[in-house]
Amino acid sequence: MNIFAAIAAIVLASTCVVASTTAAPVTVRVSYADLNLSSPAGRGTLTRRLTIAARQTCAVNAGERDLSVKAYTALCYKVSIADAKVAMEQVMAPHFASR
C-alpha cells in the first residue's frame, strides 16, 4: 500500500502551485502503514492525517488578513483535500472489494 503515500505526496505537491507557477511545490508524506483501513477508526485517522497534511502544505493560517493569500490557501486546501479523498478511495477499494 505504499502507493498511497506517493499519491498523497504528489497530490499535495501539485495543488500548491495553483496560484503561482514560481512557487516550489511542497510535499508531505502521509503514512497509513499502521492503520487498518477496513475499520472506521483507521479511515478516520487517515482522514485526520490528510487534513493536517493539507493544512500544513497549504500554509492555512486562520489569522491571515491578506485576501489574496487567504484565497490562495483556501483554494490549495480545497483542491488538496478533494484530490486526497480520491486517492484515499482508490487505496481503500481493495479492502472492500471482497465484500
N, C-alpha and C. Protein backbone atom coordinates (compact mmCIF):
# COMPACT_ATOMS: atom_id res chain seq x y z
N MET A 1 0.80 -1.20 0.00
CA MET A 1 0.00 0.00 0.00
C MET A 1 0.85 1.27 0.00
N ASN A 2 2.13 1.18 -0.24
CA ASN A 2 2.99 2.36 -0.28
C ASN A 2 2.60 3.32 -1.38
N ILE A 3 1.81 2.87 -2.34
CA ILE A 3 1.42 3.73 -3.44
C ILE A 3 0.63 4.94 -2.95
N PHE A 4 -0.17 4.77 -1.89
CA PHE A 4 -0.96 5.89 -1.40
C PHE A 4 -0.08 7.02 -0.88
N ALA A 5 0.97 6.66 -0.16
CA ALA A 5 1.87 7.69 0.35
C ALA A 5 2.43 8.51 -0.80
N ALA A 6 2.79 7.84 -1.88
CA ALA A 6 3.30 8.55 -3.06
C ALA A 6 2.21 9.38 -3.70
N ILE A 7 1.01 8.83 -3.81
CA ILE A 7 -0.11 9.57 -4.40
C ILE A 7 -0.41 10.80 -3.56
N ALA A 8 -0.48 10.63 -2.25
CA ALA A 8 -0.77 11.77 -1.38
C ALA A 8 0.29 12.84 -1.51
N ALA A 9 1.55 12.44 -1.57
CA ALA A 9 2.62 13.41 -1.71
C ALA A 9 2.52 14.15 -3.04
N ILE A 10 2.22 13.43 -4.10
CA ILE A 10 2.07 14.05 -5.41
C ILE A 10 0.88 14.99 -5.43
N VAL A 11 -0.23 14.55 -4.88
CA VAL A 11 -1.45 15.37 -4.85
C VAL A 11 -1.20 16.65 -4.08
N LEU A 12 -0.65 16.55 -2.90
CA LEU A 12 -0.42 17.74 -2.10
C LEU A 12 0.64 18.64 -2.72
N ALA A 13 1.59 18.07 -3.41
CA ALA A 13 2.62 18.88 -4.06
C ALA A 13 2.06 19.62 -5.26
N SER A 14 1.25 18.96 -6.05
CA SER A 14 0.77 19.57 -7.29
C SER A 14 -0.24 20.68 -7.04
N THR A 15 -0.99 20.59 -5.97
CA THR A 15 -2.02 21.59 -5.73
C THR A 15 -1.46 22.87 -5.14
N CYS A 16 -0.28 22.85 -4.65
CA CYS A 16 0.27 24.04 -4.02
C CYS A 16 0.82 25.05 -5.01
N VAL A 17 0.83 24.73 -6.26
CA VAL A 17 1.29 25.67 -7.27
C VAL A 17 0.12 26.20 -8.09
N VAL A 18 -1.08 26.10 -7.55
CA VAL A 18 -2.27 26.57 -8.25
C VAL A 18 -2.19 28.06 -8.55
N ALA A 19 -1.80 28.86 -7.55
CA ALA A 19 -1.83 30.30 -7.72
C ALA A 19 -0.54 30.88 -8.28
N SER A 20 0.55 30.17 -8.13
CA SER A 20 1.82 30.73 -8.56
C SER A 20 2.69 29.65 -9.18
N THR A 21 3.12 29.89 -10.39
CA THR A 21 3.98 28.91 -11.04
C THR A 21 5.43 29.06 -10.60
N THR A 22 5.74 30.12 -9.86
CA THR A 22 7.11 30.30 -9.39
C THR A 22 7.35 29.62 -8.06
N ALA A 23 6.29 29.23 -7.37
CA ALA A 23 6.44 28.59 -6.07
C ALA A 23 6.89 27.14 -6.25
N ALA A 24 7.87 26.77 -5.45
CA ALA A 24 8.33 25.38 -5.47
C ALA A 24 7.29 24.52 -4.77
N PRO A 25 6.94 23.39 -5.34
CA PRO A 25 5.94 22.54 -4.69
C PRO A 25 6.45 21.99 -3.37
N VAL A 26 5.55 21.86 -2.43
CA VAL A 26 5.85 21.30 -1.12
C VAL A 26 5.20 19.93 -1.05
N THR A 27 5.93 18.95 -0.57
CA THR A 27 5.35 17.62 -0.45
C THR A 27 5.32 17.20 1.00
N VAL A 28 4.30 16.44 1.33
CA VAL A 28 4.15 15.88 2.66
C VAL A 28 3.75 14.42 2.48
N ARG A 29 4.49 13.53 3.08
CA ARG A 29 4.15 12.11 3.00
C ARG A 29 3.14 11.80 4.11
N VAL A 30 2.11 11.09 3.73
CA VAL A 30 1.07 10.70 4.68
C VAL A 30 1.13 9.18 4.81
N SER A 31 1.58 8.73 5.96
CA SER A 31 1.71 7.30 6.19
C SER A 31 0.40 6.71 6.72
N TYR A 32 0.09 5.52 6.26
CA TYR A 32 -1.07 4.81 6.77
C TYR A 32 -0.73 3.35 7.03
N ALA A 33 0.57 3.05 7.01
CA ALA A 33 1.02 1.67 7.17
C ALA A 33 0.57 1.08 8.51
N ASP A 34 0.38 1.92 9.51
CA ASP A 34 -0.01 1.44 10.83
C ASP A 34 -1.52 1.38 11.02
N LEU A 35 -2.28 1.68 9.96
CA LEU A 35 -3.74 1.76 10.10
C LEU A 35 -4.44 0.57 9.47
N ASN A 36 -5.55 0.20 10.05
CA ASN A 36 -6.44 -0.80 9.47
C ASN A 36 -7.52 -0.04 8.71
N LEU A 37 -7.37 0.05 7.39
CA LEU A 37 -8.31 0.83 6.59
C LEU A 37 -9.66 0.16 6.43
N SER A 38 -9.79 -1.07 6.92
CA SER A 38 -11.08 -1.75 6.90
C SER A 38 -11.97 -1.29 8.05
N SER A 39 -11.38 -0.61 9.02
CA SER A 39 -12.15 -0.17 10.18
C SER A 39 -12.47 1.33 10.08
N PRO A 40 -13.60 1.73 10.63
CA PRO A 40 -13.94 3.17 10.64
C PRO A 40 -12.89 4.00 11.38
N ALA A 41 -12.33 3.45 12.45
CA ALA A 41 -11.30 4.18 13.20
C ALA A 41 -10.06 4.42 12.36
N GLY A 42 -9.64 3.42 11.60
CA GLY A 42 -8.47 3.57 10.74
C GLY A 42 -8.70 4.59 9.64
N ARG A 43 -9.89 4.55 9.02
CA ARG A 43 -10.23 5.53 7.98
C ARG A 43 -10.32 6.93 8.56
N GLY A 44 -10.85 7.05 9.77
CA GLY A 44 -10.95 8.36 10.42
C GLY A 44 -9.57 8.93 10.72
N THR A 45 -8.68 8.08 11.17
CA THR A 45 -7.31 8.53 11.46
C THR A 45 -6.62 8.99 10.18
N LEU A 46 -6.80 8.24 9.10
CA LEU A 46 -6.20 8.65 7.83
C LEU A 46 -6.79 9.98 7.35
N THR A 47 -8.07 10.16 7.50
CA THR A 47 -8.70 11.42 7.11
C THR A 47 -8.11 12.58 7.91
N ARG A 48 -7.93 12.39 9.20
CA ARG A 48 -7.33 13.44 10.05
C ARG A 48 -5.90 13.74 9.60
N ARG A 49 -5.14 12.70 9.29
CA ARG A 49 -3.75 12.91 8.84
C ARG A 49 -3.72 13.68 7.52
N LEU A 50 -4.63 13.36 6.61
CA LEU A 50 -4.69 14.08 5.33
C LEU A 50 -5.08 15.54 5.54
N THR A 51 -6.00 15.78 6.44
CA THR A 51 -6.43 17.15 6.75
C THR A 51 -5.27 17.96 7.31
N ILE A 52 -4.55 17.38 8.25
CA ILE A 52 -3.39 18.06 8.84
C ILE A 52 -2.33 18.32 7.78
N ALA A 53 -2.06 17.33 6.94
CA ALA A 53 -1.05 17.49 5.89
C ALA A 53 -1.46 18.59 4.91
N ALA A 54 -2.72 18.64 4.54
CA ALA A 54 -3.19 19.69 3.62
C ALA A 54 -3.07 21.07 4.26
N ARG A 55 -3.42 21.17 5.53
CA ARG A 55 -3.31 22.47 6.23
C ARG A 55 -1.85 22.92 6.28
N GLN A 56 -0.94 21.99 6.57
CA GLN A 56 0.48 22.34 6.63
C GLN A 56 1.02 22.68 5.26
N THR A 57 0.68 21.87 4.27
CA THR A 57 1.20 22.06 2.93
C THR A 57 0.72 23.37 2.33
N CYS A 58 -0.53 23.71 2.58
CA CYS A 58 -1.11 24.93 2.01
C CYS A 58 -0.93 26.14 2.91
N ALA A 59 -0.25 25.96 4.02
CA ALA A 59 0.02 27.05 4.97
C ALA A 59 -1.24 27.77 5.39
N VAL A 60 -2.26 26.98 5.76
CA VAL A 60 -3.53 27.56 6.20
C VAL A 60 -3.29 28.26 7.54
N ASN A 61 -3.66 29.53 7.59
CA ASN A 61 -3.48 30.35 8.79
C ASN A 61 -4.77 31.12 9.02
N ALA A 62 -5.48 30.79 10.09
CA ALA A 62 -6.77 31.43 10.37
C ALA A 62 -6.63 32.93 10.61
N GLY A 63 -5.46 33.38 11.01
CA GLY A 63 -5.26 34.79 11.30
C GLY A 63 -4.81 35.63 10.11
N GLU A 64 -4.68 35.02 8.95
CA GLU A 64 -4.21 35.73 7.75
C GLU A 64 -5.20 36.82 7.37
N ARG A 65 -4.68 38.02 7.06
CA ARG A 65 -5.55 39.14 6.70
C ARG A 65 -5.48 39.49 5.21
N ASP A 66 -4.42 39.10 4.54
CA ASP A 66 -4.27 39.42 3.13
C ASP A 66 -5.24 38.53 2.34
N LEU A 67 -6.20 39.17 1.66
CA LEU A 67 -7.25 38.41 0.98
C LEU A 67 -6.72 37.53 -0.15
N SER A 68 -5.69 37.98 -0.86
CA SER A 68 -5.16 37.15 -1.94
C SER A 68 -4.48 35.90 -1.37
N VAL A 69 -3.81 36.05 -0.25
CA VAL A 69 -3.18 34.90 0.40
C VAL A 69 -4.27 33.96 0.93
N LYS A 70 -5.30 34.52 1.54
CA LYS A 70 -6.40 33.69 2.05
C LYS A 70 -7.07 32.92 0.92
N ALA A 71 -7.28 33.59 -0.22
CA ALA A 71 -7.91 32.93 -1.36
C ALA A 71 -7.03 31.80 -1.89
N TYR A 72 -5.73 32.05 -1.98
CA TYR A 72 -4.79 31.02 -2.46
C TYR A 72 -4.78 29.82 -1.52
N THR A 73 -4.66 30.07 -0.22
CA THR A 73 -4.59 28.95 0.72
C THR A 73 -5.90 28.18 0.76
N ALA A 74 -7.02 28.90 0.64
CA ALA A 74 -8.32 28.22 0.64
C ALA A 74 -8.45 27.32 -0.58
N LEU A 75 -8.04 27.81 -1.73
CA LEU A 75 -8.10 27.01 -2.95
C LEU A 75 -7.16 25.81 -2.87
N CYS A 76 -5.95 26.06 -2.41
CA CYS A 76 -4.97 24.99 -2.26
C CYS A 76 -5.52 23.90 -1.33
N TYR A 77 -6.06 24.31 -0.21
CA TYR A 77 -6.60 23.36 0.77
C TYR A 77 -7.77 22.57 0.18
N LYS A 78 -8.69 23.28 -0.47
CA LYS A 78 -9.87 22.63 -1.04
C LYS A 78 -9.48 21.59 -2.09
N VAL A 79 -8.57 21.96 -2.98
CA VAL A 79 -8.13 21.04 -4.03
C VAL A 79 -7.34 19.88 -3.43
N SER A 80 -6.49 20.17 -2.45
CA SER A 80 -5.70 19.11 -1.81
C SER A 80 -6.59 18.09 -1.14
N ILE A 81 -7.59 18.54 -0.41
CA ILE A 81 -8.49 17.63 0.27
C ILE A 81 -9.29 16.81 -0.73
N ALA A 82 -9.80 17.44 -1.77
CA ALA A 82 -10.57 16.71 -2.79
C ALA A 82 -9.72 15.65 -3.47
N ASP A 83 -8.50 16.01 -3.85
CA ASP A 83 -7.61 15.05 -4.50
C ASP A 83 -7.19 13.93 -3.55
N ALA A 84 -6.94 14.28 -2.28
CA ALA A 84 -6.54 13.28 -1.30
C ALA A 84 -7.69 12.29 -1.04
N LYS A 85 -8.93 12.78 -1.05
CA LYS A 85 -10.07 11.88 -0.85
C LYS A 85 -10.19 10.89 -2.01
N VAL A 86 -9.94 11.34 -3.22
CA VAL A 86 -9.96 10.44 -4.37
C VAL A 86 -8.87 9.38 -4.21
N ALA A 87 -7.67 9.81 -3.85
CA ALA A 87 -6.57 8.87 -3.66
C ALA A 87 -6.88 7.90 -2.53
N MET A 88 -7.50 8.39 -1.46
CA MET A 88 -7.85 7.55 -0.33
C MET A 88 -8.87 6.49 -0.74
N GLU A 89 -9.84 6.87 -1.55
CA GLU A 89 -10.84 5.91 -2.03
C GLU A 89 -10.18 4.83 -2.89
N GLN A 90 -9.21 5.22 -3.70
CA GLN A 90 -8.51 4.24 -4.55
C GLN A 90 -7.72 3.25 -3.71
N VAL A 91 -7.14 3.73 -2.63
CA VAL A 91 -6.35 2.86 -1.76
C VAL A 91 -7.27 1.95 -0.96
N MET A 92 -8.42 2.44 -0.55
CA MET A 92 -9.33 1.63 0.26
C MET A 92 -10.13 0.64 -0.56
N ALA A 93 -10.24 0.83 -1.85
CA ALA A 93 -11.05 -0.05 -2.70
C ALA A 93 -10.72 -1.53 -2.52
N PRO A 94 -9.44 -1.92 -2.50
CA PRO A 94 -9.14 -3.35 -2.32
C PRO A 94 -9.64 -3.91 -0.98
N HIS A 95 -9.75 -3.05 0.03
CA HIS A 95 -10.22 -3.51 1.35
C HIS A 95 -11.70 -3.87 1.32
N PHE A 96 -12.43 -3.30 0.37
CA PHE A 96 -13.87 -3.53 0.32
C PHE A 96 -14.29 -4.34 -0.91
N ALA A 97 -13.37 -4.68 -1.78
CA ALA A 97 -13.69 -5.43 -2.99
C ALA A 97 -14.15 -6.84 -2.70
N SER A 98 -13.66 -7.43 -1.64
CA SER A 98 -14.01 -8.81 -1.33
C SER A 98 -15.35 -8.93 -0.60
N ARG A 99 -15.98 -7.83 -0.29
CA ARG A 99 -17.25 -7.87 0.44
C ARG A 99 -18.42 -8.06 -0.46
